Amino acid sequence: MCCIVLKWKDHKAADSGQLSATAREAAKTYESLSNGELKVKYTVKIVDVGLNYAKKNLNKAEAKAVKTVNAQNKGPKYTMYALANNNLKGGSNAGRIYAHLGAARSLKHEMGHIIGNPLDKRDQCLGHTGVLGKGAYDDGSSFMGKFPSSKITASQKYHLGWFKPGEVALYNEGDPATDFKVQQLYADKTIDGTVRAVKIDRGDLPPMFFSAVNIFDKKANKSNPACALHIAYGGGSQRVGSVFAKEREYAGIKAEVIEPDGGDGETIVRISSVPRLK
């Protein structure tokens, strides 16, 4: 990936040091989440585009910058580009193999939208993480929401194939109530006999995922265990309500915490089927 700072004639450019730090953190995050499958190599370039800082010049500036770094490149072809315009359009977006950054901090999020595209695998890109009945970005348990995070949801990790064998259990709607021992989604060490998530297959509806997560309590300055249900929509997800400690019921599925995480990193949850509300 080539990270490019657009240098304008009449306006301050984005901070190249900040972009470099953000790219380094993003590469580390994706490698960790993918269990080493996705390793992102990056370089940072500053390109004088010779244009004034104006929205009408942005497309031309980006095209010139990409052409310049490609001409300078003597190594393998870049597969992704991140172009920092210093908030020219008041936001960031991504498409094809290009992340257009208003702010460097949005790099990790915008990369998620395009990580599969260099290999022509659009289905291996990430979508947004929201909360049912609220906004498309309101789930802070993933950096594909609008809040800072170094994680993705269980449904997104499953979508990308980044769970290790045996880490996900399956419950089919209509099965008898079943108890599962679920370890915290991103715990450092694996506990024997546990899974990291439960995939709930609902037949004609998108699958749902149960996971145990840690939620940071700012007032207490510590992380507390909690549980979450996410509905998968391709590479995106919608959380069912808030995180919870006891139970959550939605659209034919009930998740009831039988034994909460008491500090050992293990939650026992009972998944059962209930009548769907019409």
Protein backbone atom coordinates (compact mmCIF):
# COMPACT_ATOMS: atom_id res chain seq x y z
CA MET A 1 0.00 0.00 0.00
CA CYS A 2 1.24 3.46 -0.86
CA CYS A 3 0.20 6.19 1.56
CA ILE A 4 0.38 9.57 -0.15
CA VAL A 5 0.31 13.02 1.40
CA LEU A 6 -0.98 15.56 -1.10
CA LYS A 7 1.16 18.72 -0.91
CA TRP A 8 -0.81 21.80 -1.95
CA LYS A 9 0.45 25.12 -3.33
CA ASP A 10 -1.49 27.32 -0.93
CA HIS A 11 -2.42 25.16 2.06
CA LYS A 12 -0.83 23.01 4.73
CA ALA A 13 -0.52 19.32 3.85
CA ALA A 14 -1.58 16.45 6.06
CA ASP A 15 0.94 15.36 8.69
CA SER A 16 3.11 12.66 7.10
CA GLY A 17 4.30 11.45 10.51
CA GLN A 18 0.72 10.93 11.66
CA LEU A 19 -0.12 9.08 8.45
CA SER A 20 2.92 6.85 8.88
CA ALA A 21 1.98 6.04 12.50
CA THR A 22 -1.61 5.31 11.49
CA ALA A 23 -0.49 3.03 8.66
CA ARG A 24 1.81 1.16 11.00
CA GLU A 25 -0.97 0.65 13.53
CA ALA A 26 -3.42 -0.43 10.81
CA ALA A 27 -0.97 -2.99 9.40
CA LYS A 28 -0.38 -4.40 12.89
CA THR A 29 -4.12 -4.58 13.56
CA TYR A 30 -5.00 -6.41 10.35
CA GLU A 31 -2.17 -8.89 10.79
CA SER A 32 -3.29 -9.65 14.34
CA LEU A 33 -7.00 -9.99 13.49
CA SER A 34 -6.24 -12.27 10.54
CA ASN A 35 -3.87 -14.51 12.54
CA GLY A 36 -1.06 -13.45 10.24
CA GLU A 37 -2.93 -14.09 6.98
CA LEU A 38 -3.10 -10.43 5.96
CA LYS A 39 0.25 -8.68 6.09
CA VAL A 40 0.19 -5.13 4.81
CA LYS A 41 3.43 -3.55 3.67
CA TYR A 42 3.27 0.19 3.28
CA THR A 43 5.31 3.20 2.29
CA VAL A 44 4.61 6.88 2.82
CA LYS A 45 5.22 9.49 0.12
CA ILE A 46 4.77 13.26 -0.03
CA VAL A 47 3.80 14.43 -3.51
CA ASP A 48 3.73 18.08 -4.58
CA VAL A 49 0.63 18.18 -6.79
CA GLY A 50 1.19 21.81 -7.86
CA LEU A 51 -2.47 22.71 -7.33
CA ASN A 52 -4.46 24.92 -4.99
CA TYR A 53 -6.38 23.43 -2.08
CA ALA A 54 -9.86 23.27 -3.66
CA LYS A 55 -12.47 20.54 -4.03
CA LYS A 56 -12.53 20.99 -7.78
CA ASN A 57 -8.83 20.07 -7.89
CA LEU A 58 -8.99 16.94 -5.74
CA ASN A 59 -9.52 14.33 -8.45
CA LYS A 60 -6.79 15.85 -10.59
CA ALA A 61 -4.44 16.05 -7.61
CA GLU A 62 -4.99 12.41 -6.66
CA ALA A 63 -4.50 11.21 -10.22
CA LYS A 64 -1.23 13.15 -10.47
CA ALA A 65 -0.03 11.81 -7.13
CA VAL A 66 -0.74 8.19 -8.07
CA LYS A 67 0.98 8.64 -11.44
CA THR A 68 4.00 10.17 -9.71
CA VAL A 69 4.50 7.43 -7.12
CA ASN A 70 3.97 4.72 -9.72
CA ALA A 71 6.69 6.27 -11.88
CA GLN A 72 9.03 6.40 -8.87
CA ASN A 73 8.31 2.85 -7.80
CA LYS A 74 10.95 0.30 -8.75
CA GLY A 75 9.51 -2.54 -6.70
CA PRO A 76 6.29 -4.61 -6.88
CA LYS A 77 3.16 -2.80 -8.06
CA TYR A 78 1.16 -1.10 -5.31
CA THR A 79 -2.13 -2.86 -4.67
CA MET A 80 -3.77 -0.11 -2.59
CA TYR A 81 -3.42 3.64 -2.23
CA ALA A 82 -4.29 5.89 0.70
CA LEU A 83 -4.41 9.57 -0.28
CA ALA A 84 -4.43 12.15 2.53
CA ASN A 85 -5.98 15.46 1.45
CA ASN A 86 -6.05 17.20 4.86
CA ASN A 87 -9.82 17.32 5.26
CA LEU A 88 -10.53 18.98 1.92
CA LYS A 89 -13.99 17.40 1.67
CA GLY A 90 -14.78 17.16 5.37
CA GLY A 91 -14.67 13.36 5.53
CA SER A 92 -13.18 10.15 4.19
CA ASN A 93 -14.37 7.45 1.83
CA ALA A 94 -13.01 4.52 -0.16
CA GLY A 95 -13.63 2.69 -3.41
CA ARG A 96 -11.88 0.18 -5.67
CA ILE A 97 -8.27 0.25 -4.37
CA TYR A 98 -8.26 3.86 -3.16
CA ALA A 99 -8.82 5.24 0.34
CA HIS A 100 -9.50 8.98 0.23
CA LEU A 101 -8.57 10.34 3.65
CA GLY A 102 -9.80 13.58 5.10
CA ALA A 103 -8.03 12.59 8.31
CA ALA A 104 -5.26 10.05 8.71
CA ARG A 105 -7.04 8.38 11.63
CA SER A 106 -9.70 7.03 9.28
CA LEU A 107 -7.20 4.87 7.37
CA LYS A 108 -7.96 1.60 9.16
CA HIS A 109 -11.70 2.03 8.61
CA GLU A 110 -11.40 2.93 4.92
CA MET A 111 -8.97 0.07 4.33
CA GLY A 112 -11.67 -2.27 5.57
CA HIS A 113 -13.89 -1.25 2.67
CA ILE A 114 -11.26 -2.19 0.06
CA ILE A 115 -9.02 -4.94 1.47
CA GLY A 116 -10.50 -7.60 -0.80
CA ASN A 117 -10.51 -5.56 -3.99
CA PRO A 118 -6.84 -5.95 -4.99
CA LEU A 119 -7.51 -9.70 -5.32
CA ASP A 120 -10.88 -9.17 -7.04
CA LYS A 121 -12.64 -10.45 -3.92
CA ARG A 122 -15.24 -7.82 -3.20
CA ASP A 123 -16.96 -10.23 -0.83
CA GLN A 124 -13.86 -10.06 1.37
CA CYS A 125 -14.33 -6.37 2.17
CA LEU A 126 -15.82 -5.03 5.38
CA GLY A 127 -19.00 -3.02 5.77
CA HIS A 128 -20.19 -0.72 8.52
CA THR A 129 -21.14 -1.76 12.04
CA GLY A 130 -24.31 -0.26 13.44
CA VAL A 131 -27.06 -0.89 15.97
CA LEU A 132 -30.57 -1.97 15.00
CA GLY A 133 -32.93 0.98 14.98
CA LYS A 134 -30.07 3.46 15.28
CA GLY A 135 -27.25 4.54 12.98
CA ALA A 136 -25.17 2.51 10.57
CA TYR A 137 -21.98 3.39 12.50
CA ASP A 138 -23.15 3.18 16.11
CA ASP A 139 -21.50 -0.09 17.20
CA GLY A 140 -18.21 0.83 18.80
CA SER A 141 -16.97 -2.77 19.07
CA SER A 142 -15.50 -2.51 15.56
CA PHE A 143 -13.38 0.09 13.81
CA MET A 144 -15.95 -0.12 11.01
CA GLY A 145 -18.20 1.98 13.26
CA LYS A 146 -17.53 5.61 14.03
CA PHE A 147 -15.67 5.11 17.30
CA PRO A 148 -11.98 4.26 17.83
CA SER A 149 -11.35 0.52 18.06
CA SER A 150 -8.73 -2.06 17.17
CA LYS A 151 -11.25 -4.89 16.74
CA ILE A 152 -14.02 -6.11 14.47
CA THR A 153 -17.22 -7.94 15.41
CA ALA A 154 -17.51 -11.73 15.56
CA SER A 155 -19.66 -11.74 12.42
CA GLN A 156 -17.04 -9.72 10.53
CA LYS A 157 -14.21 -11.98 11.66
CA TYR A 158 -16.23 -14.99 10.52
CA HIS A 159 -17.05 -13.31 7.20
CA LEU A 160 -13.34 -12.87 6.47
CA GLY A 161 -12.48 -16.43 7.52
CA TRP A 162 -10.21 -15.24 10.31
CA PHE A 163 -11.37 -17.61 13.04
CA LYS A 164 -9.17 -20.61 13.72
CA PRO A 165 -10.68 -24.09 13.29
CA GLY A 166 -12.98 -24.98 16.18
CA GLU A 167 -13.37 -21.41 17.44
CA VAL A 168 -16.98 -21.05 16.28
CA ALA A 169 -19.88 -23.23 17.41
CA LEU A 170 -23.11 -23.61 15.42
CA TYR A 171 -26.70 -23.38 16.62
CA ASN A 172 -29.56 -23.86 14.14
CA GLU A 173 -32.87 -22.15 14.84
CA GLY A 174 -35.34 -24.82 15.96
CA ASP A 175 -32.72 -26.93 17.75
CA PRO A 176 -33.25 -27.71 21.45
CA ALA A 177 -31.85 -25.18 23.90
CA THR A 178 -28.08 -25.64 23.94
CA ASP A 179 -25.42 -24.43 26.37
CA PHE A 180 -22.10 -23.14 25.04
CA LYS A 181 -18.90 -22.21 26.85
CA VAL A 182 -17.77 -19.00 25.19
CA GLN A 183 -14.43 -17.35 25.76
CA GLN A 184 -13.87 -13.62 25.39
CA LEU A 185 -13.65 -12.90 21.66
CA TYR A 186 -10.12 -11.49 21.70
CA ALA A 187 -8.60 -13.18 24.74
CA ASP A 188 -4.85 -13.74 24.52
CA LYS A 189 -4.93 -17.46 25.35
CA THR A 190 -7.42 -20.17 24.41
CA ILE A 191 -9.24 -22.07 27.16
CA ASP A 192 -9.80 -25.75 26.37
CA GLY A 193 -13.42 -26.64 25.69
CA THR A 194 -14.50 -23.12 24.79
CA VAL A 195 -15.35 -21.32 21.56
CA ARG A 196 -14.91 -17.66 20.62
CA ALA A 197 -18.39 -17.20 19.14
CA VAL A 198 -21.64 -18.99 18.37
CA LYS A 199 -23.04 -18.71 14.86
CA ILE A 200 -26.83 -18.87 14.91
CA ASP A 201 -28.25 -20.05 11.58
CA ARG A 202 -31.77 -18.69 11.13
CA GLY A 203 -32.68 -20.21 7.80
CA ASP A 204 -34.36 -17.51 5.73
CA LEU A 205 -32.87 -14.69 7.81
CA PRO A 206 -29.26 -13.48 8.03
CA PRO A 207 -27.19 -15.38 10.61
CA MET A 208 -26.68 -14.01 14.09
CA PHE A 209 -23.52 -14.24 16.20
CA PHE A 210 -23.19 -14.42 19.97
CA SER A 211 -19.89 -13.30 21.45
CA ALA A 212 -18.41 -12.30 24.79
CA VAL A 213 -16.71 -8.92 24.66
CA ASN A 214 -14.96 -6.48 26.95
CA ILE A 215 -16.48 -3.02 27.39
CA PHE A 216 -14.35 -0.22 28.81
CA ASP A 217 -15.88 1.69 31.71
CA LYS A 218 -14.43 5.21 31.63
CA LYS A 219 -15.59 6.10 35.14
CA ALA A 220 -14.09 2.98 36.71
CA ASN A 221 -11.13 3.03 34.29
CA LYS A 222 -11.37 -0.69 33.64
CA SER A 223 -12.84 -3.20 31.20
CA ASN A 224 -15.91 -5.20 32.16
CA PRO A 225 -17.18 -8.42 30.56
CA ALA A 226 -20.37 -8.21 28.52
CA CYS A 227 -22.20 -10.16 25.81
CA ALA A 228 -23.38 -9.14 22.37
CA LEU A 229 -25.59 -10.37 19.55
CA HIS A 230 -24.74 -9.25 16.04
CA ILE A 231 -26.69 -9.84 12.84
CA ALA A 232 -24.41 -10.36 9.87
CA TYR A 233 -24.98 -8.43 6.65
CA GLY A 234 -22.11 -9.49 4.43
CA GLY A 235 -19.00 -7.80 5.77
CA GLY A 236 -21.08 -5.47 7.93
CA SER A 237 -23.14 -6.12 11.01
CA GLN A 238 -25.91 -4.71 13.18
CA ARG A 239 -25.83 -5.22 16.93
CA VAL A 240 -29.11 -6.23 18.55
CA GLY A 241 -29.59 -3.50 21.14
CA SER A 242 -26.89 -2.74 23.67
CA VAL A 243 -24.38 -5.20 25.08
CA PHE A 244 -25.94 -7.21 27.88
CA ALA A 245 -25.19 -9.19 31.01
CA LYS A 246 -28.21 -11.48 31.41
CA GLU A 247 -30.25 -12.14 28.28
CA ARG A 248 -31.32 -10.89 24.89
CA GLU A 249 -34.19 -12.09 22.72
CA TYR A 250 -34.75 -11.17 19.10
CA ALA A 251 -36.54 -12.58 16.03
CA GLY A 252 -36.84 -16.18 17.15
CA ILE A 253 -33.63 -16.46 19.15
CA LYS A 254 -32.96 -16.12 22.87
CA ALA A 255 -29.48 -15.88 24.40
CA GLU A 256 -29.47 -16.36 28.18
CA VAL A 257 -26.30 -16.08 30.26
CA ILE A 258 -26.26 -19.05 32.63
CA GLU A 259 -22.85 -18.33 34.15
CA PRO A 260 -21.29 -14.90 33.56
CA ASP A 261 -17.57 -14.38 33.25
CA GLY A 262 -16.40 -14.26 36.83
CA GLY A 263 -12.84 -13.41 35.93
CA ASP A 264 -11.83 -16.72 34.41
CA GLY A 265 -12.60 -15.51 30.87
CA GLU A 266 -15.41 -17.99 30.32
CA THR A 267 -19.14 -17.33 29.83
CA ILE A 268 -21.77 -20.06 29.66
CA VAL A 269 -24.68 -19.07 27.44
CA ARG A 270 -27.87 -20.95 26.60
CA ILE A 271 -29.13 -20.42 23.05
CA SER A 272 -32.74 -21.38 22.38
CA SER A 273 -35.48 -20.85 19.81
CA VAL A 274 -38.63 -18.90 20.61
CA PRO A 275 -41.62 -17.94 18.44
CA ARG A 276 -40.81 -15.14 16.02
CA LEU A 277 -42.86 -12.05 16.59
CA LYS A 278 -44.82 -10.91 13.54
